[in-house]
Amino acid sequence: MARKRRPPSAKPVTSPDRQVTVPWYRRVWFLITLVGAGLYGLLANGPTLLSNAERLPSEFERVSGKFLSWYYEDQAWEGLWSANPEAYVDLVEMKLSDVDIKLHLLSEHGRIGGEISMKSICRVVPMFDYLLFEGKISGDIATITAFDFIGGERKNFFRFSAKRDGIVITVSPEEGTQEWLPTIPVRIGLHPSRQDEKPYDHLTGTCRVEKEDLMKKIRPSGLGR
Protein backbone atom coordinates (compact mmCIF):
# COMPACT_ATOMS: atom_id res chain seq x y z
CA MET A 1 0.00 0.00 0.00
CA ALA A 2 1.44 3.36 -1.09
CA ARG A 3 1.88 6.04 1.58
CA LYS A 4 0.29 9.40 0.97
CA ARG A 5 2.70 12.29 0.73
CA ARG A 6 2.08 15.22 3.03
CA PRO A 7 1.71 18.56 1.29
CA PRO A 8 4.65 20.88 1.79
CA SER A 9 4.36 23.38 4.66
CA ALA A 10 3.83 27.07 3.82
CA LYS A 11 6.40 28.13 6.44
CA PRO A 12 10.07 27.31 6.17
CA VAL A 13 11.32 24.95 8.82
CA THR A 14 14.14 26.42 10.86
CA SER A 15 15.94 25.15 13.83
CA PRO A 16 15.27 26.96 17.14
CA ASP A 17 18.80 28.31 17.38
CA ARG A 18 18.98 29.61 13.85
CA GLN A 19 18.48 33.36 13.37
CA VAL A 20 16.85 34.87 10.32
CA THR A 21 18.75 38.00 9.24
CA VAL A 22 17.57 40.82 6.96
CA PRO A 23 19.80 41.19 3.91
CA TRP A 24 22.07 44.24 4.01
CA TYR A 25 20.65 45.77 0.85
CA ARG A 26 17.14 45.82 2.34
CA ARG A 27 18.39 47.73 5.38
CA VAL A 28 20.28 50.22 3.21
CA TRP A 29 17.23 50.69 1.01
CA PHE A 30 15.08 51.52 4.03
CA LEU A 31 17.60 54.16 5.15
CA ILE A 32 17.79 55.64 1.66
CA THR A 33 14.00 55.82 1.49
CA LEU A 34 13.81 57.57 4.87
CA VAL A 35 16.46 60.15 3.96
CA GLY A 36 14.87 60.70 0.58
CA ALA A 37 11.48 61.39 2.12
CA GLY A 38 13.05 63.92 4.47
CA LEU A 39 14.84 65.71 1.64
CA TYR A 40 11.66 65.82 -0.41
CA GLY A 41 9.75 67.36 2.48
CA LEU A 42 12.48 69.96 3.01
CA LEU A 43 12.58 70.87 -0.67
CA ALA A 44 8.81 70.97 -0.99
CA ASN A 45 8.27 73.08 2.13
CA GLY A 46 11.67 74.76 2.32
CA PRO A 47 10.50 78.36 1.81
CA THR A 48 7.74 77.95 4.40
CA LEU A 49 10.07 76.33 6.92
CA LEU A 50 12.70 79.02 6.45
CA SER A 51 10.10 81.76 6.71
CA ASN A 52 8.74 80.26 9.91
CA ALA A 53 12.26 79.92 11.28
CA GLU A 54 12.91 83.61 10.58
CA ARG A 55 9.74 84.59 12.42
CA LEU A 56 10.47 82.46 15.48
CA PRO A 57 12.57 85.06 17.38
CA SER A 58 10.04 87.88 16.86
CA GLU A 59 7.10 85.63 17.67
CA PHE A 60 8.83 84.40 20.82
CA GLU A 61 9.53 87.98 21.87
CA ARG A 62 5.92 88.98 21.22
CA VAL A 63 4.43 86.06 23.17
CA SER A 64 6.92 86.33 26.03
CA GLY A 65 6.29 90.08 26.16
CA LYS A 66 2.56 89.52 26.54
CA PHE A 67 3.18 86.98 29.29
CA LEU A 68 5.51 89.31 31.20
CA SER A 69 3.06 92.19 30.86
CA TRP A 70 0.32 89.96 32.29
CA TYR A 71 2.58 88.58 35.03
CA TYR A 72 3.72 91.99 36.23
CA GLU A 73 0.30 93.62 35.62
CA ASP A 74 1.83 96.46 33.62
CA GLN A 75 -1.47 98.11 32.75
CA ALA A 76 -2.60 98.22 36.39
CA TRP A 77 0.45 100.35 37.29
CA GLU A 78 0.35 102.77 34.39
CA GLY A 79 -1.25 106.20 34.59
CA LEU A 80 -1.32 109.36 36.64
CA TRP A 81 -1.55 108.98 40.43
CA SER A 82 -2.25 111.76 42.94
CA ALA A 83 -4.24 112.58 46.06
CA ASN A 84 -6.95 114.26 43.99
CA PRO A 85 -8.14 111.89 41.27
CA GLU A 86 -11.47 112.88 39.78
CA ALA A 87 -14.65 110.99 38.85
CA TYR A 88 -14.64 108.54 41.78
CA VAL A 89 -17.91 108.19 43.67
CA ASP A 90 -16.23 106.49 46.65
CA LEU A 91 -13.32 108.94 46.90
CA VAL A 92 -13.75 109.27 50.67
CA GLU A 93 -13.54 105.50 51.13
CA MET A 94 -10.19 105.47 49.34
CA LYS A 95 -8.73 107.35 52.34
CA LEU A 96 -6.19 109.30 50.31
CA SER A 97 -3.62 111.51 52.02
CA ASP A 98 -3.49 115.29 51.88
CA VAL A 99 -0.27 115.51 49.86
CA ASP A 100 0.82 117.16 46.63
CA ILE A 101 2.67 114.11 45.26
CA LYS A 102 1.93 113.26 41.64
CA LEU A 103 3.30 110.17 39.92
CA HIS A 104 3.18 109.45 36.23
CA LEU A 105 3.90 105.73 35.93
CA LEU A 106 4.93 103.65 32.93
CA SER A 107 5.55 99.93 33.27
CA GLU A 108 7.03 97.28 31.00
CA HIS A 109 7.79 93.69 31.99
CA GLY A 110 8.42 94.48 35.64
CA ARG A 111 10.47 97.62 35.00
CA ILE A 112 8.89 100.91 35.99
CA GLY A 113 9.63 104.48 35.01
CA GLY A 114 8.08 107.92 34.78
CA GLU A 115 8.08 111.22 36.63
CA ILE A 116 7.35 112.50 40.13
CA SER A 117 6.16 116.01 40.88
CA MET A 118 5.80 117.77 44.27
CA LYS A 119 6.56 121.10 45.92
CA SER A 120 9.60 119.77 47.76
CA ILE A 121 11.30 119.43 44.38
CA CYS A 122 10.64 123.12 43.74
CA ARG A 123 12.36 124.09 46.97
CA VAL A 124 15.52 122.09 46.17
CA VAL A 125 15.72 122.29 42.37
CA PRO A 126 13.23 124.99 41.30
CA MET A 127 14.21 124.69 37.63
CA PHE A 128 12.59 121.24 37.50
CA ASP A 129 8.82 120.79 37.57
CA TYR A 130 9.37 117.09 38.16
CA LEU A 131 12.11 114.48 38.51
CA LEU A 132 12.54 111.32 36.50
CA PHE A 133 12.43 107.93 38.18
CA GLU A 134 13.01 104.27 37.45
CA GLY A 135 12.57 101.08 39.42
CA LYS A 136 11.62 97.44 39.55
CA ILE A 137 8.37 95.70 40.49
CA SER A 138 8.29 92.72 42.83
CA GLY A 139 4.77 91.47 43.43
CA ASP A 140 2.65 94.49 44.36
CA ILE A 141 5.61 96.63 45.48
CA ALA A 142 7.89 98.77 43.31
CA THR A 143 11.23 100.10 44.54
CA ILE A 144 11.90 103.40 42.77
CA THR A 145 14.83 105.82 42.48
CA ALA A 146 14.20 109.48 41.60
CA PHE A 147 16.92 111.08 39.49
CA ASP A 148 17.66 113.64 36.80
CA PHE A 149 20.55 114.91 34.72
CA ILE A 150 22.48 117.98 35.83
CA GLY A 151 25.34 119.23 33.69
CA GLY A 152 25.08 116.11 31.55
CA GLU A 153 25.56 113.77 34.51
CA ARG A 154 22.96 111.67 36.25
CA LYS A 155 22.24 112.51 39.90
CA ASN A 156 20.18 110.22 42.12
CA PHE A 157 18.12 112.27 44.60
CA PHE A 158 16.15 109.79 46.71
CA ARG A 159 14.55 106.36 46.79
CA PHE A 160 11.02 105.35 47.76
CA SER A 161 8.69 102.36 47.51
CA ALA A 162 5.20 102.20 46.03
CA LYS A 163 2.79 99.48 47.10
CA ARG A 164 -0.20 99.07 44.80
CA ASP A 165 -3.60 97.95 46.07
CA GLY A 166 -6.03 98.23 43.20
CA ILE A 167 -6.37 101.91 42.30
CA VAL A 168 -4.50 103.11 45.40
CA ILE A 169 -0.73 103.32 45.83
CA THR A 170 0.98 103.75 49.18
CA VAL A 171 4.20 105.74 48.86
CA SER A 172 6.78 105.10 51.57
CA PRO A 173 10.13 106.90 52.07
CA GLU A 174 13.27 104.83 51.77
CA GLU A 175 16.77 106.25 51.26
CA GLY A 176 17.63 109.95 51.20
CA THR A 177 14.01 111.17 51.41
CA GLN A 178 14.15 113.46 54.46
CA GLU A 179 13.81 116.72 52.52
CA TRP A 180 11.66 115.29 49.75
CA LEU A 181 8.87 113.00 50.98
CA PRO A 182 6.70 112.86 54.11
CA THR A 183 8.24 110.76 56.85
CA ILE A 184 5.20 108.46 56.98
CA PRO A 185 3.56 106.43 54.19
CA VAL A 186 0.96 108.33 52.15
CA ARG A 187 -1.86 107.13 49.88
CA ILE A 188 -2.57 108.40 46.36
CA GLY A 189 -5.10 107.22 43.77
CA LEU A 190 -5.15 106.47 40.05
CA HIS A 191 -6.75 109.03 37.75
CA PRO A 192 -9.33 107.49 35.39
CA SER A 193 -7.79 107.40 31.92
CA ARG A 194 -9.18 109.86 29.37
CA GLN A 195 -8.04 110.20 25.79
CA ASP A 196 -8.12 114.00 25.86
CA GLU A 197 -6.07 114.23 29.06
CA LYS A 198 -2.28 114.42 29.03
CA PRO A 199 -0.40 113.54 32.25
CA TYR A 200 2.22 116.23 31.66
CA ASP A 201 -0.47 118.90 31.87
CA HIS A 202 -0.70 118.01 35.58
CA LEU A 203 3.07 118.00 36.09
CA THR A 204 4.19 121.06 34.12
CA GLY A 205 4.03 124.34 35.99
CA THR A 206 4.37 122.86 39.47
CA CYS A 207 7.42 124.99 40.18
CA ARG A 208 6.31 128.10 38.28
CA VAL A 209 6.40 130.45 41.30
CA GLU A 210 9.73 129.13 42.59
CA LYS A 211 11.19 129.33 39.10
CA GLU A 212 10.15 132.98 38.71
CA ASP A 213 11.65 133.85 42.09
CA LEU A 214 14.92 132.21 41.12
CA MET A 215 15.05 134.10 37.83
CA LYS A 216 14.53 137.40 39.66
CA LYS A 217 17.51 136.63 41.89
CA ILE A 218 19.88 135.70 39.10
CA ARG A 219 18.74 138.36 36.60
CA PRO A 220 21.31 141.17 36.37
CA SER A 221 20.12 144.53 37.66
CA GLY A 222 19.15 147.12 35.08
CA LEU A 223 17.74 144.65 32.59
CA GLY A 224 14.07 144.65 31.81
CA ARG A 225 11.81 141.76 32.39
C-alpha atoms as a PDB file:
ATOM      1  CA  MET A   1       0.000   0.000   0.000  1.00  0.00           C
ATOM      2  CA  ALA A   2       1.440   3.356  -1.086  1.00  0.00           C
ATOM      3  CA  ARG A   3       1.875   6.040   1.583  1.00  0.00           C
ATOM      4  CA  LYS A   4       0.285   9.396   0.969  1.00  0.00           C
ATOM      5  CA  ARG A   5       2.698  12.289   0.727  1.00  0.00           C
ATOM      6  CA  ARG A   6       2.076  15.219   3.027  1.00  0.00           C
ATOM      7  CA  PRO A   7       1.714  18.564   1.291  1.00  0.00           C
ATOM      8  CA  PRO A   8       4.652  20.877   1.791  1.00  0.00           C
ATOM      9  CA  SER A   9       4.365  23.380   4.659  1.00  0.00           C
ATOM     10  CA  ALA A  10       3.831  27.066   3.817  1.00  0.00           C
ATOM     11  CA  LYS A  11       6.405  28.129   6.444  1.00  0.00           C
ATOM     12  CA  PRO A  12      10.067  27.310   6.166  1.00  0.00           C
ATOM     13  CA  VAL A  13      11.316  24.953   8.815  1.00  0.00           C
ATOM     14  CA  THR A  14      14.136  26.423  10.863  1.00  0.00           C
ATOM     15  CA  SER A  15      15.942  25.152  13.830  1.00  0.00           C
ATOM     16  CA  PRO A  16      15.268  26.961  17.144  1.00  0.00           C
ATOM     17  CA  ASP A  17      18.801  28.308  17.380  1.00  0.00           C
ATOM     18  CA  ARG A  18      18.978  29.606  13.847  1.00  0.00           C
ATOM     19  CA  GLN A  19      18.476  33.357  13.372  1.00  0.00           C
ATOM     20  CA  VAL A  20      16.848  34.874  10.317  1.00  0.00           C
ATOM     21  CA  THR A  21      18.754  37.997   9.235  1.00  0.00           C
ATOM     22  CA  VAL A  22      17.572  40.823   6.963  1.00  0.00           C
ATOM     23  CA  PRO A  23      19.799  41.193   3.911  1.00  0.00           C
ATOM     24  CA  TRP A  24      22.072  44.237   4.012  1.00  0.00           C
ATOM     25  CA  TYR A  25      20.654  45.770   0.852  1.00  0.00           C
ATOM     26  CA  ARG A  26      17.140  45.817   2.341  1.00  0.00           C
ATOM     27  CA  ARG A  27      18.394  47.728   5.380  1.00  0.00           C
ATOM     28  CA  VAL A  28      20.278  50.215   3.214  1.00  0.00           C
ATOM     29  CA  TRP A  29      17.226  50.689   1.011  1.00  0.00           C
ATOM     30  CA  PHE A  30      15.077  51.519   4.033  1.00  0.00           C
ATOM     31  CA  LEU A  31      17.601  54.155   5.153  1.00  0.00           C
ATOM     32  CA  ILE A  32      17.787  55.640   1.661  1.00  0.00           C
ATOM     33  CA  THR A  33      13.996  55.822   1.486  1.00  0.00           C
ATOM     34  CA  LEU A  34      13.815  57.568   4.875  1.00  0.00           C
ATOM     35  CA  VAL A  35      16.465  60.147   3.961  1.00  0.00           C
ATOM     36  CA  GLY A  36      14.872  60.696   0.583  1.00  0.00           C
ATOM     37  CA  ALA A  37      11.483  61.391   2.122  1.00  0.00           C
ATOM     38  CA  GLY A  38      13.049  63.918   4.473  1.00  0.00           C
ATOM     39  CA  LEU A  39      14.839  65.709   1.640  1.00  0.00           C
ATOM     40  CA  TYR A  40      11.659  65.816  -0.413  1.00  0.00           C
ATOM     41  CA  GLY A  41       9.749  67.363   2.476  1.00  0.00           C
ATOM     42  CA  LEU A  42      12.480  69.956   3.013  1.00  0.00           C
ATOM     43  CA  LEU A  43      12.582  70.870  -0.670  1.00  0.00           C
ATOM     44  CA  ALA A  44       8.811  70.973  -0.993  1.00  0.00           C
ATOM     45  CA  ASN A  45       8.273  73.078   2.131  1.00  0.00           C
ATOM     46  CA  GLY A  46      11.667  74.760   2.325  1.00  0.00           C
ATOM     47  CA  PRO A  47      10.497  78.358   1.813  1.00  0.00           C
ATOM     48  CA  THR A  48       7.739  77.946   4.400  1.00  0.00           C
ATOM     49  CA  LEU A  49      10.067  76.334   6.921  1.00  0.00           C
ATOM     50  CA  LEU A  50      12.705  79.016   6.452  1.00  0.00           C
ATOM     51  CA  SER A  51      10.096  81.763   6.709  1.00  0.00           C
ATOM     52  CA  ASN A  52       8.742  80.264   9.912  1.00  0.00           C
ATOM     53  CA  ALA A  53      12.258  79.924  11.278  1.00  0.00           C
ATOM     54  CA  GLU A  54      12.908  83.614  10.583  1.00  0.00           C
ATOM     55  CA  ARG A  55       9.735  84.586  12.421  1.00  0.00           C
ATOM     56  CA  LEU A  56      10.469  82.463  15.485  1.00  0.00           C
ATOM     57  CA  PRO A  57      12.567  85.062  17.379  1.00  0.00           C
ATOM     58  CA  SER A  58      10.045  87.883  16.856  1.00  0.00           C
ATOM     59  CA  GLU A  59       7.098  85.627  17.670  1.00  0.00           C
ATOM     60  CA  PHE A  60       8.830  84.399  20.819  1.00  0.00           C
ATOM     61  CA  GLU A  61       9.532  87.979  21.867  1.00  0.00           C
ATOM     62  CA  ARG A  62       5.920  88.978  21.219  1.00  0.00           C
ATOM     63  CA  VAL A  63       4.432  86.057  23.168  1.00  0.00           C
ATOM     64  CA  SER A  64       6.917  86.329  26.028  1.00  0.00           C
ATOM     65  CA  GLY A  65       6.287  90.079  26.156  1.00  0.00           C
ATOM     66  CA  LYS A  66       2.557  89.521  26.544  1.00  0.00           C
ATOM     67  CA  PHE A  67       3.181  86.975  29.291  1.00  0.00           C
ATOM     68  CA  LEU A  68       5.506  89.305  31.199  1.00  0.00           C
ATOM     69  CA  SER A  69       3.055  92.186  30.860  1.00  0.00           C
ATOM     70  CA  TRP A  70       0.321  89.964  32.288  1.00  0.00           C
ATOM     71  CA  TYR A  71       2.575  88.575  35.028  1.00  0.00           C
ATOM     72  CA  TYR A  72       3.723  91.991  36.233  1.00  0.00           C
ATOM     73  CA  GLU A  73       0.303  93.624  35.623  1.00  0.00           C
ATOM     74  CA  ASP A  74       1.828  96.463  33.623  1.00  0.00           C
ATOM     75  CA  GLN A  75      -1.473  98.114  32.751  1.00  0.00           C
ATOM     76  CA  ALA A  76      -2.596  98.221  36.386  1.00  0.00           C
ATOM     77  CA  TRP A  77       0.447 100.346  37.293  1.00  0.00           C
ATOM     78  CA  GLU A  78       0.354 102.772  34.393  1.00  0.00           C
ATOM     79  CA  GLY A  79      -1.254 106.196  34.592  1.00  0.00           C
ATOM     80  CA  LEU A  80      -1.316 109.363  36.643  1.00  0.00           C
ATOM     81  CA  TRP A  81      -1.551 108.984  40.430  1.00  0.00           C
ATOM     82  CA  SER A  82      -2.254 111.757  42.943  1.00  0.00           C
ATOM     83  CA  ALA A  83      -4.239 112.577  46.063  1.00  0.00           C
ATOM     84  CA  ASN A  84      -6.953 114.260  43.986  1.00  0.00           C
ATOM     85  CA  PRO A  85      -8.136 111.888  41.267  1.00  0.00           C
ATOM     86  CA  GLU A  86     -11.473 112.876  39.778  1.00  0.00           C
ATOM     87  CA  ALA A  87     -14.652 110.994  38.852  1.00  0.00           C
ATOM     88  CA  TYR A  88     -14.645 108.543  41.782  1.00  0.00           C
ATOM     89  CA  VAL A  89     -17.915 108.195  43.671  1.00  0.00           C
ATOM     90  CA  ASP A  90     -16.234 106.495  46.646  1.00  0.00           C
ATOM     91  CA  LEU A  91     -13.316 108.935  46.897  1.00  0.00           C
ATOM     92  CA  VAL A  92     -13.752 109.268  50.674  1.00  0.00           C
ATOM     93  CA  GLU A  93     -13.541 105.501  51.125  1.00  0.00           C
ATOM     94  CA  MET A  94     -10.185 105.468  49.336  1.00  0.00           C
ATOM     95  CA  LYS A  95      -8.734 107.350  52.341  1.00  0.00           C
ATOM     96  CA  LEU A  96      -6.189 109.296  50.307  1.00  0.00           C
ATOM     97  CA  SER A  97      -3.616 111.510  52.017  1.00  0.00           C
ATOM     98  CA  ASP A  98      -3.487 115.289  51.880  1.00  0.00           C
ATOM     99  CA  VAL A  99      -0.266 115.513  49.865  1.00  0.00           C
ATOM    100  CA  ASP A 100       0.822 117.164  46.635  1.00  0.00           C
ATOM    101  CA  ILE A 101       2.668 114.114  45.261  1.00  0.00           C
ATOM    102  CA  LYS A 102       1.928 113.257  41.643  1.00  0.00           C
ATOM    103  CA  LEU A 103       3.303 110.167  39.925  1.00  0.00           C
ATOM    104  CA  HIS A 104       3.181 109.452  36.229  1.00  0.00           C
ATOM    105  CA  LEU A 105       3.900 105.734  35.934  1.00  0.00           C
ATOM    106  CA  LEU A 106       4.930 103.653  32.934  1.00  0.00           C
ATOM    107  CA  SER A 107       5.554  99.932  33.271  1.00  0.00           C
ATOM    108  CA  GLU A 108       7.032  97.281  30.997  1.00  0.00           C
ATOM    109  CA  HIS A 109       7.788  93.692  31.985  1.00  0.00           C
ATOM    110  CA  GLY A 110       8.415  94.484  35.635  1.00  0.00           C
ATOM    111  CA  ARG A 111      10.473  97.621  35.003  1.00  0.00           C
ATOM    112  CA  ILE A 112       8.894 100.910  35.991  1.00  0.00           C
ATOM    113  CA  GLY A 113       9.634 104.482  35.005  1.00  0.00           C
ATOM    114  CA  GLY A 114       8.084 107.924  34.783  1.00  0.00           C
ATOM    115  CA  GLU A 115       8.077 111.220  36.627  1.00  0.00           C
ATOM    116  CA  ILE A 116       7.347 112.496  40.130  1.00  0.00           C
ATOM    117  CA  SER A 117       6.160 116.012  40.881  1.00  0.00           C
ATOM    118  CA  MET A 118       5.799 117.769  44.270  1.00  0.00           C
ATOM    119  CA  LYS A 119       6.559 121.104  45.924  1.00  0.00           C
ATOM    120  CA  SER A 120       9.602 119.772  47.764  1.00  0.00           C
ATOM    121  CA  ILE A 121      11.299 119.428  44.384  1.00  0.00           C
ATOM    122  CA  CYS A 122      10.642 123.121  43.740  1.00  0.00           C
ATOM    123  CA  ARG A 123      12.360 124.087  46.972  1.00  0.00           C
ATOM    124  CA  VAL A 124      15.524 122.094  46.167  1.00  0.00           C
ATOM    125  CA  VAL A 125      15.725 122.291  42.365  1.00  0.00           C
ATOM    126  CA  PRO A 126      13.231 124.988  41.297  1.00  0.00           C
ATOM    127  CA  MET A 127      14.208 124.691  37.633  1.00  0.00           C
ATOM    128  CA  PHE A 128      12.594 121.240  37.495  1.00  0.00           C
ATOM    129  CA  ASP A 129       8.818 120.787  37.566  1.00  0.00           C
ATOM    130  CA  TYR A 130       9.375 117.091  38.159  1.00  0.00           C
ATOM    131  CA  LEU A 131      12.105 114.476  38.507  1.00  0.00           C
ATOM    132  CA  LEU A 132      12.541 111.317  36.502  1.00  0.00           C
ATOM    133  CA  PHE A 133      12.430 107.929  38.176  1.00  0.00           C
ATOM    134  CA  GLU A 134      13.012 104.266  37.452  1.00  0.00           C
ATOM    135  CA  GLY A 135      12.570 101.084  39.419  1.00  0.00           C
ATOM    136  CA  LYS A 136      11.618  97.442  39.554  1.00  0.00           C
ATOM    137  CA  ILE A 137       8.369  95.696  40.488  1.00  0.00           C
ATOM    138  CA  SER A 138       8.295  92.720  42.830  1.00  0.00           C
ATOM    139  CA  GLY A 139       4.767  91.466  43.431  1.00  0.00           C
ATOM    140  CA  ASP A 140       2.654  94.489  44.356  1.00  0.00           C
ATOM    141  CA  ILE A 141       5.610  96.634  45.481  1.00  0.00           C
ATOM    142  CA  ALA A 142       7.886  98.767  43.310  1.00  0.00           C
ATOM    143  CA  THR A 143      11.230 100.096  44.544  1.00  0.00           C
ATOM    144  CA  ILE A 144      11.902 103.400  42.773  1.00  0.00           C
ATOM    145  CA  THR A 145      14.831 105.824  42.476  1.00  0.00           C
ATOM    146  CA  ALA A 146      14.197 109.479  41.598  1.00  0.00           C
ATOM    147  CA  PHE A 147      16.924 111.082  39.494  1.00  0.00           C
ATOM    148  CA  ASP A 148      17.660 113.640  36.803  1.00  0.00           C
ATOM    149  CA  PHE A 149      20.548 114.912  34.717  1.00  0.00           C
ATOM    150  CA  ILE A 150      22.483 117.984  35.830  1.00  0.00           C
ATOM    151  CA  GLY A 151      25.335 119.227  33.685  1.00  0.00           C
ATOM    152  CA  GLY A 152      25.084 116.113  31.548  1.00  0.00           C
ATOM    153  CA  GLU A 153      25.559 113.771  34.509  1.00  0.00           C
ATOM    154  CA  ARG A 154      22.965 111.672  36.251  1.00  0.00           C
ATOM    155  CA  LYS A 155      22.242 112.513  39.899  1.00  0.00           C
ATOM    156  CA  ASN A 156      20.177 110.217  42.124  1.00  0.00           C
ATOM    157  CA  PHE A 157      18.122 112.266  44.600  1.00  0.00           C
ATOM    158  CA  PHE A 158      16.148 109.792  46.713  1.00  0.00           C
ATOM    159  CA  ARG A 159      14.554 106.356  46.786  1.00  0.00           C
ATOM    160  CA  PHE A 160      11.022 105.348  47.758  1.00  0.00           C
ATOM    161  CA  SER A 161       8.690 102.362  47.514  1.00  0.00           C
ATOM    162  CA  ALA A 162       5.202 102.201  46.030  1.00  0.00           C
ATOM    163  CA  LYS A 163       2.795  99.480  47.103  1.00  0.00           C
ATOM    164  CA  ARG A 164      -0.205  99.074  44.804  1.00  0.00           C
ATOM    165  CA  ASP A 165      -3.604  97.951  46.072  1.00  0.00           C
ATOM    166  CA  GLY A 166      -6.035  98.231  43.195  1.00  0.00           C
ATOM    167  CA  ILE A 167      -6.366 101.906  42.297  1.00  0.00           C
ATOM    168  CA  VAL A 168      -4.497 103.106  45.399  1.00  0.00           C
ATOM    169  CA  ILE A 169      -0.728 103.322  45.827  1.00  0.00           C
ATOM    170  CA  THR A 170       0.981 103.747  49.179  1.00  0.00           C
ATOM    171  CA  VAL A 171       4.196 105.741  48.865  1.00  0.00           C
ATOM    172  CA  SER A 172       6.779 105.098  51.574  1.00  0.00           C
ATOM    173  CA  PRO A 173      10.127 106.897  52.070  1.00  0.00           C
ATOM    174  CA  GLU A 174      13.268 104.827  51.772  1.00  0.00           C
ATOM    175  CA  GLU A 175      16.773 106.247  51.256  1.00  0.00           C
ATOM    176  CA  GLY A 176      17.626 109.953  51.203  1.00  0.00           C
ATOM    177  CA  THR A 177      14.015 111.168  51.407  1.00  0.00           C
ATOM    178  CA  GLN A 178      14.147 113.463  54.461  1.00  0.00           C
ATOM    179  CA  GLU A 179      13.810 116.719  52.517  1.00  0.00           C
ATOM    180  CA  TRP A 180      11.663 115.289  49.751  1.00  0.00           C
ATOM    181  CA  LEU A 181       8.874 112.997  50.981  1.00  0.00           C
ATOM    182  CA  PRO A 182       6.698 112.861  54.115  1.00  0.00           C
ATOM    183  CA  THR A 183       8.236 110.759  56.852  1.00  0.00           C
ATOM    184  CA  ILE A 184       5.204 108.463  56.979  1.00  0.00           C
ATOM    185  CA  PRO A 185       3.555 106.427  54.187  1.00  0.00           C
ATOM    186  CA  VAL A 186       0.960 108.334  52.146  1.00  0.00           C
ATOM    187  CA  ARG A 187      -1.859 107.135  49.880  1.00  0.00           C
ATOM    188  CA  ILE A 188      -2.568 108.399  46.357  1.00  0.00           C
ATOM    189  CA  GLY A 189      -5.096 107.215  43.767  1.00  0.00           C
ATOM    190  CA  LEU A 190      -5.153 106.473  40.051  1.00  0.00           C
ATOM    191  CA  HIS A 191      -6.751 109.028  37.752  1.00  0.00           C
ATOM    192  CA  PRO A 192      -9.333 107.490  35.387  1.00  0.00           C
ATOM    193  CA  SER A 193      -7.790 107.405  31.922  1.00  0.00           C
ATOM    194  CA  ARG A 194      -9.180 109.859  29.368  1.00  0.00           C
ATOM    195  CA  GLN A 195      -8.036 110.203  25.790  1.00  0.00           C
ATOM    196  CA  ASP A 196      -8.121 114.000  25.862  1.00  0.00           C
ATOM    197  CA  GLU A 197      -6.072 114.228  29.060  1.00  0.00           C
ATOM    198  CA  LYS A 198      -2.282 114.422  29.031  1.00  0.00           C
ATOM    199  CA  PRO A 199      -0.401 113.535  32.249  1.00  0.00           C
ATOM    200  CA  TYR A 200       2.219 116.232  31.662  1.00  0.00           C
ATOM    201  CA  ASP A 201      -0.469 118.897  31.870  1.00  0.00           C
ATOM    202  CA  HIS A 202      -0.704 118.012  35.576  1.00  0.00           C
ATOM    203  CA  LEU A 203       3.069 118.005  36.093  1.00  0.00           C
ATOM    204  CA  THR A 204       4.187 121.055  34.117  1.00  0.00           C
ATOM    205  CA  GLY A 205       4.026 124.335  35.994  1.00  0.00           C
ATOM    206  CA  THR A 206       4.369 122.860  39.470  1.00  0.00           C
ATOM    207  CA  CYS A 207       7.425 124.993  40.179  1.00  0.00           C
ATOM    208  CA  ARG A 208       6.307 128.096  38.283  1.00  0.00           C
ATOM    209  CA  VAL A 209       6.399 130.450  41.299  1.00  0.00           C
ATOM    210  CA  GLU A 210       9.728 129.130  42.587  1.00  0.00           C
ATOM    211  CA  LYS A 211      11.195 129.328  39.100  1.00  0.00           C
ATOM    212  CA  GLU A 212      10.151 132.978  38.710  1.00  0.00           C
ATOM    213  CA  ASP A 213      11.651 133.849  42.094  1.00  0.00           C
ATOM    214  CA  LEU A 214      14.920 132.212  41.119  1.00  0.00           C
ATOM    215  CA  MET A 215      15.051 134.095  37.830  1.00  0.00           C
ATOM    216  CA  LYS A 216      14.530 137.403  39.658  1.00  0.00           C
ATOM    217  CA  LYS A 217      17.512 136.631  41.892  1.00  0.00           C
ATOM    218  CA  ILE A 218      19.884 135.704  39.103  1.00  0.00           C
ATOM    219  CA  ARG A 219      18.736 138.357  36.600  1.00  0.00           C
ATOM    220  CA  PRO A 220      21.314 141.167  36.371  1.00  0.00           C
ATOM    221  CA  SER A 221      20.116 144.532  37.662  1.00  0.00           C
ATOM    222  CA  GLY A 222      19.150 147.116  35.077  1.00  0.00           C
ATOM    223  CA  LEU A 223      17.740 144.647  32.595  1.00  0.00           C
ATOM    224  CA  GLY A 224      14.070 144.646  31.805  1.00  0.00           C
ATOM    225  CA  ARG A 225      11.805 141.761  32.391  1.00  0.00           C
END
